[in-house]
Amino acid sequence: MANKSTEANLFTFQANLKQNGTIELTWEGVKPEQFESAMVEGLPQWDGSHATASLLRYLRSMADEMLEKSRNYI
């Protein structure tokens, strides 16, 4: 029987040095609206759905800002 994961990756920001010497910045994240909807439907007794969705919105906005401002450096 396979072990169930007890974690879910909600957001990732990465800075990678590529073989050709360039730096690649990427981010991936769960869409806040989809997260909140899925949690309200699947786990309605949990009261952290809205706060977590708000955190995801903040992380996405900061990632966009970091990508934009990094153009001054890379």
PDB file of N, CA and C in Angstrom:
ATOM      1  N   MET A   1       0.848  -1.179   0.000  1.00  0.00           N
ATOM      2  CA  MET A   1       0.000   0.000   0.000  1.00  0.00           C
ATOM      3  C   MET A   1       0.889   1.237   0.000  1.00  0.00           C
ATOM      4  N   ALA A   2       0.573   2.204  -0.828  1.00  0.00           N
ATOM      5  CA  ALA A   2       1.373   3.425  -0.935  1.00  0.00           C
ATOM      6  C   ALA A   2       1.091   4.349   0.241  1.00  0.00           C
ATOM      7  N   ASN A   3       2.126   5.056   0.682  1.00  0.00           N
ATOM      8  CA  ASN A   3       1.973   6.036   1.755  1.00  0.00           C
ATOM      9  C   ASN A   3       1.325   7.291   1.208  1.00  0.00           C
ATOM     10  N   LYS A   4       0.385   7.828   1.957  1.00  0.00           N
ATOM     11  CA  LYS A   4      -0.240   9.086   1.569  1.00  0.00           C
ATOM     12  C   LYS A   4       0.676  10.228   1.992  1.00  0.00           C
ATOM     13  N   SER A   5       0.821  11.215   1.116  1.00  0.00           N
ATOM     14  CA  SER A   5       1.626  12.386   1.440  1.00  0.00           C
ATOM     15  C   SER A   5       0.867  13.244   2.445  1.00  0.00           C
ATOM     16  N   THR A   6       1.592  13.781   3.404  1.00  0.00           N
ATOM     17  CA  THR A   6       0.961  14.651   4.391  1.00  0.00           C
ATOM     18  C   THR A   6       1.215  16.122   4.096  1.00  0.00           C
ATOM     19  N   GLU A   7       1.798  16.388   2.926  1.00  0.00           N
ATOM     20  CA  GLU A   7       2.079  17.756   2.532  1.00  0.00           C
ATOM     21  C   GLU A   7       1.607  17.991   1.101  1.00  0.00           C
ATOM     22  N   ALA A   8       1.283  19.236   0.834  1.00  0.00           N
ATOM     23  CA  ALA A   8       0.935  19.641  -0.533  1.00  0.00           C
ATOM     24  C   ALA A   8       1.713  20.913  -0.844  1.00  0.00           C
ATOM     25  N   ASN A   9       2.392  20.927  -1.962  1.00  0.00           N
ATOM     26  CA  ASN A   9       3.146  22.108  -2.364  1.00  0.00           C
ATOM     27  C   ASN A   9       2.159  23.152  -2.889  1.00  0.00           C
ATOM     28  N   LEU A  10       2.073  24.280  -2.211  1.00  0.00           N
ATOM     29  CA  LEU A  10       1.155  25.337  -2.606  1.00  0.00           C
ATOM     30  C   LEU A  10       1.822  26.410  -3.449  1.00  0.00           C
ATOM     31  N   PHE A  11       3.135  26.624  -3.229  1.00  0.00           N
ATOM     32  CA  PHE A  11       3.826  27.694  -3.930  1.00  0.00           C
ATOM     33  C   PHE A  11       5.322  27.425  -3.937  1.00  0.00           C
ATOM     34  N   THR A  12       5.956  27.695  -5.087  1.00  0.00           N
ATOM     35  CA  THR A  12       7.402  27.523  -5.219  1.00  0.00           C
ATOM     36  C   THR A  12       7.960  28.660  -6.062  1.00  0.00           C
ATOM     37  N   PHE A  13       9.064  29.244  -5.602  1.00  0.00           N
ATOM     38  CA  PHE A  13       9.819  30.237  -6.369  1.00  0.00           C
ATOM     39  C   PHE A  13      11.236  29.702  -6.478  1.00  0.00           C
ATOM     40  N   GLN A  14      11.780  29.676  -7.703  1.00  0.00           N
ATOM     41  CA  GLN A  14      13.116  29.133  -7.901  1.00  0.00           C
ATOM     42  C   GLN A  14      13.976  30.079  -8.720  1.00  0.00           C
ATOM     43  N   ALA A  15      15.257  30.096  -8.371  1.00  0.00           N
ATOM     44  CA  ALA A  15      16.272  30.787  -9.165  1.00  0.00           C
ATOM     45  C   ALA A  15      17.295  29.730  -9.550  1.00  0.00           C
ATOM     46  N   ASN A  16      17.416  29.468 -10.844  1.00  0.00           N
ATOM     47  CA  ASN A  16      18.314  28.424 -11.331  1.00  0.00           C
ATOM     48  C   ASN A  16      19.396  29.021 -12.226  1.00  0.00           C
ATOM     49  N   LEU A  17      20.624  28.552 -12.009  1.00  0.00           N
ATOM     50  CA  LEU A  17      21.724  28.910 -12.887  1.00  0.00           C
ATOM     51  C   LEU A  17      21.787  27.845 -13.966  1.00  0.00           C
ATOM     52  N   LYS A  18      21.588  28.271 -15.202  1.00  0.00           N
ATOM     53  CA  LYS A  18      21.571  27.325 -16.317  1.00  0.00           C
ATOM     54  C   LYS A  18      22.991  27.055 -16.802  1.00  0.00           C
ATOM     55  N   GLN A  19      23.141  25.994 -17.557  1.00  0.00           N
ATOM     56  CA  GLN A  19      24.450  25.575 -18.035  1.00  0.00           C
ATOM     57  C   GLN A  19      25.132  26.638 -18.893  1.00  0.00           C
ATOM     58  N   ASN A  20      24.344  27.451 -19.597  1.00  0.00           N
ATOM     59  CA  ASN A  20      24.920  28.494 -20.452  1.00  0.00           C
ATOM     60  C   ASN A  20      25.246  29.779 -19.684  1.00  0.00           C
ATOM     61  N   GLY A  21      25.061  29.765 -18.362  1.00  0.00           N
ATOM     62  CA  GLY A  21      25.416  30.914 -17.524  1.00  0.00           C
ATOM     63  C   GLY A  21      24.286  31.882 -17.249  1.00  0.00           C
ATOM     64  N   THR A  22      23.133  31.675 -17.845  1.00  0.00           N
ATOM     65  CA  THR A  22      21.996  32.560 -17.579  1.00  0.00           C
ATOM     66  C   THR A  22      21.268  32.102 -16.325  1.00  0.00           C
ATOM     67  N   ILE A  23      20.560  33.028 -15.746  1.00  0.00           N
ATOM     68  CA  ILE A  23      19.764  32.729 -14.555  1.00  0.00           C
ATOM     69  C   ILE A  23      18.295  32.703 -14.959  1.00  0.00           C
ATOM     70  N   GLU A  24      17.622  31.678 -14.525  1.00  0.00           N
ATOM     71  CA  GLU A  24      16.197  31.514 -14.830  1.00  0.00           C
ATOM     72  C   GLU A  24      15.420  31.609 -13.522  1.00  0.00           C
ATOM     73  N   LEU A  25      14.467  32.517 -13.482  1.00  0.00           N
ATOM     74  CA  LEU A  25      13.577  32.653 -12.333  1.00  0.00           C
ATOM     75  C   LEU A  25      12.206  32.129 -12.721  1.00  0.00           C
ATOM     76  N   THR A  26      11.665  31.271 -11.893  1.00  0.00           N
ATOM     77  CA  THR A  26      10.335  30.715 -12.163  1.00  0.00           C
ATOM     78  C   THR A  26       9.551  30.598 -10.861  1.00  0.00           C
ATOM     79  N   TRP A  27       8.250  30.623 -11.011  1.00  0.00           N
ATOM     80  CA  TRP A  27       7.406  30.316  -9.861  1.00  0.00           C
ATOM     81  C   TRP A  27       6.188  29.532 -10.319  1.00  0.00           C
ATOM     82  N   GLU A  28       5.701  28.724  -9.410  1.00  0.00           N
ATOM     83  CA  GLU A  28       4.476  27.948  -9.618  1.00  0.00           C
ATOM     84  C   GLU A  28       3.657  28.038  -8.350  1.00  0.00           C
ATOM     85  N   GLY A  29       2.363  28.085  -8.518  1.00  0.00           N
ATOM     86  CA  GLY A  29       1.523  28.130  -7.336  1.00  0.00           C
ATOM     87  C   GLY A  29       0.094  27.730  -7.644  1.00  0.00           C
ATOM     88  N   VAL A  30      -0.536  27.237  -6.618  1.00  0.00           N
ATOM     89  CA  VAL A  30      -1.948  26.894  -6.699  1.00  0.00           C
ATOM     90  C   VAL A  30      -2.735  28.192  -6.819  1.00  0.00           C
ATOM     91  N   LYS A  31      -3.728  28.206  -7.685  1.00  0.00           N
ATOM     92  CA  LYS A  31      -4.578  29.391  -7.822  1.00  0.00           C
ATOM     93  C   LYS A  31      -5.400  29.547  -6.540  1.00  0.00           C
ATOM     94  N   PRO A  32      -5.360  30.736  -5.934  1.00  0.00           N
ATOM     95  CA  PRO A  32      -6.045  30.940  -4.655  1.00  0.00           C
ATOM     96  C   PRO A  32      -7.533  30.588  -4.695  1.00  0.00           C
ATOM     97  N   GLU A  33      -8.197  30.957  -5.788  1.00  0.00           N
ATOM     98  CA  GLU A  33      -9.640  30.694  -5.886  1.00  0.00           C
ATOM     99  C   GLU A  33      -9.920  29.195  -5.949  1.00  0.00           C
ATOM    100  N   GLN A  34      -9.107  28.482  -6.695  1.00  0.00           N
ATOM    101  CA  GLN A  34      -9.285  27.026  -6.786  1.00  0.00           C
ATOM    102  C   GLN A  34      -9.000  26.362  -5.450  1.00  0.00           C
ATOM    103  N   PHE A  35      -7.952  26.826  -4.763  1.00  0.00           N
ATOM    104  CA  PHE A  35      -7.628  26.271  -3.457  1.00  0.00           C
ATOM    105  C   PHE A  35      -8.781  26.464  -2.486  1.00  0.00           C
ATOM    106  N   GLU A  36      -9.244  27.708  -2.390  1.00  0.00           N
ATOM    107  CA  GLU A  36     -10.309  28.013  -1.430  1.00  0.00           C
ATOM    108  C   GLU A  36     -11.580  27.229  -1.740  1.00  0.00           C
ATOM    109  N   SER A  37     -11.933  27.151  -2.998  1.00  0.00           N
ATOM    110  CA  SER A  37     -13.124  26.409  -3.399  1.00  0.00           C
ATOM    111  C   SER A  37     -13.001  24.926  -3.051  1.00  0.00           C
ATOM    112  N   ALA A  38     -11.851  24.335  -3.366  1.00  0.00           N
ATOM    113  CA  ALA A  38     -11.643  22.910  -3.086  1.00  0.00           C
ATOM    114  C   ALA A  38     -11.666  22.628  -1.591  1.00  0.00           C
ATOM    115  N   MET A  39     -11.086  23.516  -0.803  1.00  0.00           N
ATOM    116  CA  MET A  39     -11.047  23.295   0.643  1.00  0.00           C
ATOM    117  C   MET A  39     -12.426  23.470   1.273  1.00  0.00           C
ATOM    118  N   VAL A  40     -13.163  24.466   0.820  1.00  0.00           N
ATOM    119  CA  VAL A  40     -14.508  24.687   1.363  1.00  0.00           C
ATOM    120  C   VAL A  40     -15.407  23.497   1.033  1.00  0.00           C
ATOM    121  N   GLU A  41     -15.238  22.968  -0.168  1.00  0.00           N
ATOM    122  CA  GLU A  41     -16.045  21.820  -0.577  1.00  0.00           C
ATOM    123  C   GLU A  41     -15.592  20.522   0.088  1.00  0.00           C
ATOM    124  N   GLY A  42     -14.288  20.296   0.124  1.00  0.00           N
ATOM    125  CA  GLY A  42     -13.775  19.018   0.619  1.00  0.00           C
ATOM    126  C   GLY A  42     -13.525  18.947   2.103  1.00  0.00           C
ATOM    127  N   LEU A  43     -13.302  20.087   2.742  1.00  0.00           N
ATOM    128  CA  LEU A  43     -13.007  20.112   4.171  1.00  0.00           C
ATOM    129  C   LEU A  43     -13.666  21.343   4.800  1.00  0.00           C
ATOM    130  N   PRO A  44     -14.995  21.379   4.777  1.00  0.00           N
ATOM    131  CA  PRO A  44     -15.711  22.587   5.200  1.00  0.00           C
ATOM    132  C   PRO A  44     -15.488  22.970   6.664  1.00  0.00           C
ATOM    133  N   GLN A  45     -15.112  22.037   7.497  1.00  0.00           N
ATOM    134  CA  GLN A  45     -14.912  22.344   8.916  1.00  0.00           C
ATOM    135  C   GLN A  45     -13.602  23.105   9.189  1.00  0.00           C
ATOM    136  N   TRP A  46     -12.698  23.126   8.200  1.00  0.00           N
ATOM    137  CA  TRP A  46     -11.424  23.831   8.384  1.00  0.00           C
ATOM    138  C   TRP A  46     -11.639  25.313   8.127  1.00  0.00           C
ATOM    139  N   ASP A  47     -11.250  26.154   9.059  1.00  0.00           N
ATOM    140  CA  ASP A  47     -11.513  27.585   8.917  1.00  0.00           C
ATOM    141  C   ASP A  47     -10.322  28.378   8.365  1.00  0.00           C
ATOM    142  N   GLY A  48      -9.305  27.701   7.856  1.00  0.00           N
ATOM    143  CA  GLY A  48      -8.130  28.389   7.328  1.00  0.00           C
ATOM    144  C   GLY A  48      -8.123  28.599   5.828  1.00  0.00           C
ATOM    145  N   SER A  49      -9.178  28.241   5.153  1.00  0.00           N
ATOM    146  CA  SER A  49      -9.217  28.323   3.688  1.00  0.00           C
ATOM    147  C   SER A  49      -9.018  29.742   3.173  1.00  0.00           C
ATOM    148  N   HIS A  50      -9.751  30.680   3.724  1.00  0.00           N
ATOM    149  CA  HIS A  50      -9.670  32.057   3.237  1.00  0.00           C
ATOM    150  C   HIS A  50      -8.300  32.667   3.536  1.00  0.00           C
ATOM    151  N   ALA A  51      -7.784  32.449   4.733  1.00  0.00           N
ATOM    152  CA  ALA A  51      -6.484  33.004   5.103  1.00  0.00           C
ATOM    153  C   ALA A  51      -5.373  32.421   4.226  1.00  0.00           C
ATOM    154  N   THR A  52      -5.440  31.137   3.941  1.00  0.00           N
ATOM    155  CA  THR A  52      -4.431  30.506   3.095  1.00  0.00           C
ATOM    156  C   THR A  52      -4.536  31.018   1.667  1.00  0.00           C
ATOM    157  N   ALA A  53      -5.749  31.186   1.168  1.00  0.00           N
ATOM    158  CA  ALA A  53      -5.938  31.742  -0.176  1.00  0.00           C
ATOM    159  C   ALA A  53      -5.384  33.171  -0.236  1.00  0.00           C
ATOM    160  N   SER A  54      -5.559  33.942   0.812  1.00  0.00           N
ATOM    161  CA  SER A  54      -5.006  35.298   0.869  1.00  0.00           C
ATOM    162  C   SER A  54      -3.481  35.262   0.861  1.00  0.00           C
ATOM    163  N   LEU A  55      -2.900  34.323   1.576  1.00  0.00           N
ATOM    164  CA  LEU A  55      -1.446  34.159   1.559  1.00  0.00           C
ATOM    165  C   LEU A  55      -0.964  33.812   0.157  1.00  0.00           C
ATOM    166  N   LEU A  56      -1.680  32.936  -0.527  1.00  0.00           N
ATOM    167  CA  LEU A  56      -1.307  32.576  -1.893  1.00  0.00           C
ATOM    168  C   LEU A  56      -1.368  33.785  -2.821  1.00  0.00           C
ATOM    169  N   ARG A  57      -2.364  34.642  -2.653  1.00  0.00           N
ATOM    170  CA  ARG A  57      -2.457  35.865  -3.453  1.00  0.00           C
ATOM    171  C   ARG A  57      -1.235  36.758  -3.202  1.00  0.00           C
ATOM    172  N   TYR A  58      -0.869  36.883  -1.943  1.00  0.00           N
ATOM    173  CA  TYR A  58       0.294  37.694  -1.583  1.00  0.00           C
ATOM    174  C   TYR A  58       1.566  37.114  -2.194  1.00  0.00           C
ATOM    175  N   LEU A  59       1.780  35.810  -2.071  1.00  0.00           N
ATOM    176  CA  LEU A  59       2.978  35.178  -2.623  1.00  0.00           C
ATOM    177  C   LEU A  59       3.054  35.366  -4.132  1.00  0.00           C
ATOM    178  N   ARG A  60       1.926  35.225  -4.813  1.00  0.00           N
ATOM    179  CA  ARG A  60       1.902  35.409  -6.267  1.00  0.00           C
ATOM    180  C   ARG A  60       2.271  36.849  -6.632  1.00  0.00           C
ATOM    181  N   SER A  61       1.744  37.816  -5.897  1.00  0.00           N
ATOM    182  CA  SER A  61       2.052  39.211  -6.205  1.00  0.00           C
ATOM    183  C   SER A  61       3.527  39.516  -5.933  1.00  0.00           C
ATOM    184  N   MET A  62       4.086  38.958  -4.868  1.00  0.00           N
ATOM    185  CA  MET A  62       5.502  39.170  -4.569  1.00  0.00           C
ATOM    186  C   MET A  62       6.392  38.485  -5.609  1.00  0.00           C
ATOM    187  N   ALA A  63       6.004  37.312  -6.068  1.00  0.00           N
ATOM    188  CA  ALA A  63       6.776  36.611  -7.107  1.00  0.00           C
ATOM    189  C   ALA A  63       6.781  37.429  -8.390  1.00  0.00           C
ATOM    190  N   ASP A  64       5.633  37.967  -8.767  1.00  0.00           N
ATOM    191  CA  ASP A  64       5.567  38.816  -9.964  1.00  0.00           C
ATOM    192  C   ASP A  64       6.460  40.038  -9.804  1.00  0.00           C
ATOM    193  N   GLU A  65       6.445  40.635  -8.618  1.00  0.00           N
ATOM    194  CA  GLU A  65       7.277  41.804  -8.367  1.00  0.00           C
ATOM    195  C   GLU A  65       8.768  41.440  -8.423  1.00  0.00           C
ATOM    196  N   MET A  66       9.144  40.303  -7.849  1.00  0.00           N
ATOM    197  CA  MET A  66      10.546  39.879  -7.897  1.00  0.00           C
ATOM    198  C   MET A  66      10.995  39.626  -9.327  1.00  0.00           C
ATOM    199  N   LEU A  67      10.148  39.009 -10.130  1.00  0.00           N
ATOM    200  CA  LEU A  67      10.492  38.790 -11.533  1.00  0.00           C
ATOM    201  C   LEU A  67      10.689  40.115 -12.249  1.00  0.00           C
ATOM    202  N   GLU A  68       9.789  41.039 -12.016  1.00  0.00           N
ATOM    203  CA  GLU A  68       9.886  42.336 -12.686  1.00  0.00           C
ATOM    204  C   GLU A  68      11.147  43.098 -12.250  1.00  0.00           C
ATOM    205  N   LYS A  69      11.405  43.158 -10.963  1.00  0.00           N
ATOM    206  CA  LYS A  69      12.559  43.916 -10.467  1.00  0.00           C
ATOM    207  C   LYS A  69      13.885  43.229 -10.743  1.00  0.00           C
ATOM    208  N   SER A  70      13.886  41.924 -10.926  1.00  0.00           N
ATOM    209  CA  SER A  70      15.129  41.199 -11.191  1.00  0.00           C
ATOM    210  C   SER A  70      15.705  41.553 -12.550  1.00  0.00           C
ATOM    211  N   ARG A  71      14.905  42.118 -13.427  1.00  0.00           N
ATOM    212  CA  ARG A  71      15.390  42.508 -14.746  1.00  0.00           C
ATOM    213  C   ARG A  71      16.533  43.522 -14.654  1.00  0.00           C
ATOM    214  N   ASN A  72      16.606  44.225 -13.523  1.00  0.00           N
ATOM    215  CA  ASN A  72      17.695  45.177 -13.314  1.00  0.00           C
ATOM    216  C   ASN A  72      19.024  44.471 -13.047  1.00  0.00           C
ATOM    217  N   TYR A  73      18.976  43.194 -12.698  1.00  0.00           N
ATOM    218  CA  TYR A  73      20.164  42.465 -12.301  1.00  0.00           C
ATOM    219  C   TYR A  73      20.575  41.358 -13.257  1.00  0.00           C
ATOM    220  N   ILE A  74      19.603  40.766 -13.922  1.00  0.00           N
ATOM    221  CA  ILE A  74      19.930  39.636 -14.807  1.00  0.00           C
ATOM    222  C   ILE A  74      19.466  39.920 -16.228  1.00  0.00           C
TER     223      ILE A  74
END
